Amino acid sequence: MQLSISGLKEMGAFTGRPVEREIKWAQGGKEMSATVFVRPLGYRTAVNDVLSATGKVESYAGRIAASICDESGQPVFTVGDITGDADPERGALDGNLTVALMMVIAEVNNMGKTLSSVTPTSSGTNSPSPSVRRSRKPKKD
């Protein structure tokens, strides 16, 4: 296939509309809930991941800022809103809310997929791991 917008569109290579979800978290002893829209991972998330790898953006704050949006796809947060840098007096986003947002982002991006379990493989030897040292003392009978 020759790379083109129409070809990529046919393949489903664009993220599409944000996905609506309900989240719940505990804050100050109260059960809180909110409706959020999650943008499936795409260009904005990839840019965030590169910036976080170079230390220019905090990775979780960047992931939330790139993924949580309004119904039309416009970002709800900036990285500074999440870390507290945008308004130090207000502070950082609540930890339980942060976890709820990260969980809903993971849920949206793993929809319909089952995570395979790791199957141990055998190297064909019974030798101990290199990090395990054998005692040089003779065994007592």
Protein backbone atom coordinates (compact mmCIF):
# COMPACT_ATOMS: atom_id res chain seq x y z
CA MET A 1 0.00 0.00 0.00
CA GLN A 2 1.16 3.48 -0.78
CA LEU A 3 0.95 5.72 2.25
CA SER A 4 -1.98 8.11 1.98
CA ILE A 5 -4.62 9.65 4.22
CA SER A 6 -7.39 7.60 2.60
CA GLY A 7 -5.37 4.36 2.92
CA LEU A 8 -4.58 5.06 6.56
CA LYS A 9 -8.22 5.92 7.20
CA GLU A 10 -9.29 2.57 5.72
CA MET A 11 -6.83 0.78 7.99
CA GLY A 12 -8.14 2.57 11.09
CA ALA A 13 -4.83 4.34 11.71
CA PHE A 14 -6.48 7.43 13.22
CA THR A 15 -7.62 7.56 16.83
CA GLY A 16 -11.15 8.82 16.21
CA ARG A 17 -13.49 10.39 18.70
CA PRO A 18 -12.88 10.51 22.45
CA VAL A 19 -14.41 7.69 24.49
CA GLU A 20 -16.79 8.60 27.33
CA ARG A 21 -16.26 6.91 30.71
CA GLU A 22 -17.39 7.30 34.29
CA ILE A 23 -14.66 7.35 36.95
CA LYS A 24 -14.89 7.04 40.74
CA TRP A 25 -12.35 7.86 43.41
CA ALA A 26 -12.23 8.55 47.13
CA GLN A 27 -11.31 12.03 48.27
CA GLY A 28 -11.43 13.29 51.85
CA GLY A 29 -13.49 10.29 52.97
CA LYS A 30 -16.11 10.86 50.25
CA GLU A 31 -16.83 8.80 47.14
CA MET A 32 -16.49 11.09 44.11
CA SER A 33 -17.46 10.44 40.50
CA ALA A 34 -17.17 12.24 37.20
CA THR A 35 -17.74 11.71 33.50
CA VAL A 36 -14.53 11.97 31.50
CA PHE A 37 -13.62 11.70 27.85
CA VAL A 38 -10.48 9.80 26.96
CA ARG A 39 -8.64 10.34 23.70
CA PRO A 40 -7.23 6.99 22.52
CA LEU A 41 -3.44 6.95 22.36
CA GLY A 42 -2.19 8.74 19.29
CA TYR A 43 0.02 11.56 18.13
CA ARG A 44 -0.33 13.76 21.22
CA THR A 45 0.52 10.86 23.50
CA ALA A 46 3.52 9.91 21.37
CA VAL A 47 4.83 13.49 21.61
CA ASN A 48 4.32 13.40 25.39
CA ASP A 49 6.19 10.09 25.62
CA VAL A 50 9.16 11.52 23.72
CA LEU A 51 9.19 14.67 25.87
CA SER A 52 9.00 12.62 29.07
CA ALA A 53 11.84 10.37 27.89
CA THR A 54 14.02 13.46 27.49
CA GLY A 55 13.01 14.78 30.91
CA LYS A 56 11.06 17.76 29.56
CA VAL A 57 7.64 16.55 30.80
CA GLU A 58 6.61 14.46 33.81
CA SER A 59 5.40 11.21 32.23
CA TYR A 60 2.14 10.54 34.11
CA ALA A 61 1.06 14.18 34.09
CA GLY A 62 1.83 14.33 30.38
CA ARG A 63 -0.11 11.13 29.70
CA ILE A 64 -3.16 12.49 31.54
CA ALA A 65 -2.90 15.89 29.83
CA ALA A 66 -2.61 14.22 26.41
CA SER A 67 -5.46 11.77 27.01
CA ILE A 68 -8.18 13.43 29.10
CA CYS A 69 -10.23 15.80 26.99
CA ASP A 70 -13.70 17.22 26.58
CA GLU A 71 -16.34 15.76 24.29
CA SER A 72 -14.92 17.58 21.27
CA GLY A 73 -11.36 16.37 21.95
CA GLN A 74 -9.94 19.55 23.47
CA PRO A 75 -7.56 18.99 26.42
CA VAL A 76 -9.01 19.49 29.90
CA PHE A 77 -5.65 19.73 31.70
CA THR A 78 -2.18 21.03 31.09
CA VAL A 79 0.78 19.23 32.64
CA GLY A 80 1.09 22.15 35.06
CA ASP A 81 -2.53 21.72 36.17
CA ILE A 82 -1.76 18.15 37.17
CA THR A 83 1.63 18.72 38.82
CA GLY A 84 0.54 21.91 40.57
CA ASP A 85 3.06 24.07 38.74
CA ALA A 86 0.28 26.09 37.03
CA ASP A 87 -1.05 27.20 40.42
CA PRO A 88 1.19 26.32 43.38
CA GLU A 89 -1.41 27.65 45.79
CA ARG A 90 -3.96 25.12 44.50
CA GLY A 91 -1.40 22.31 44.41
CA ALA A 92 -1.18 19.08 42.46
CA LEU A 93 -4.08 16.91 41.35
CA ASP A 94 -5.38 14.55 44.06
CA GLY A 95 -3.52 11.22 44.08
CA ASN A 96 -6.65 9.04 44.02
CA LEU A 97 -8.05 11.05 41.11
CA THR A 98 -4.72 10.69 39.31
CA VAL A 99 -4.87 6.91 39.73
CA ALA A 100 -8.51 6.81 38.53
CA LEU A 101 -7.56 8.81 35.42
CA MET A 102 -4.57 6.57 34.66
CA MET A 103 -6.78 3.49 35.06
CA VAL A 104 -9.45 4.80 32.69
CA ILE A 105 -6.77 5.73 30.14
CA ALA A 106 -5.42 2.16 30.31
CA GLU A 107 -8.94 0.73 30.06
CA VAL A 108 -9.78 2.73 26.93
CA ASN A 109 -6.52 1.82 25.25
CA ASN A 110 -6.76 -1.90 26.01
CA MET A 111 -10.41 -2.32 25.04
CA GLY A 112 -11.16 -5.80 23.77
CA LYS A 113 -7.61 -6.97 24.29
CA THR A 114 -6.62 -9.65 26.71
CA LEU A 115 -3.21 -9.43 28.22
CA SER A 116 -1.33 -12.65 27.74
CA SER A 117 0.42 -14.13 30.71
CA VAL A 118 4.14 -14.65 30.59
CA THR A 119 4.95 -18.28 29.86
CA PRO A 120 8.20 -19.48 31.36
CA THR A 121 10.66 -20.87 28.88
CA SER A 122 13.30 -23.49 29.49
CA SER A 123 16.86 -22.96 28.42
CA GLY A 124 17.49 -26.68 28.59
CA THR A 125 19.94 -26.42 31.47
CA ASN A 126 19.60 -26.85 35.19
CA SER A 127 22.43 -24.55 36.15
CA PRO A 128 21.74 -21.96 38.84
CA SER A 129 21.31 -18.33 38.02
CA PRO A 130 24.62 -16.43 37.73
CA SER A 131 23.60 -14.31 40.73
CA VAL A 132 23.43 -17.37 43.01
CA ARG A 133 26.79 -18.40 44.40
CA ARG A 134 27.44 -21.90 45.61
CA SER A 135 29.03 -22.40 48.96
CA ARG A 136 32.60 -23.73 48.82
CA LYS A 137 32.20 -25.44 52.19
CA PRO A 138 31.90 -29.22 52.02
CA LYS A 139 28.48 -30.61 52.97
CA LYS A 140 28.17 -32.21 56.40
CA ASP A 141 26.78 -35.73 56.46
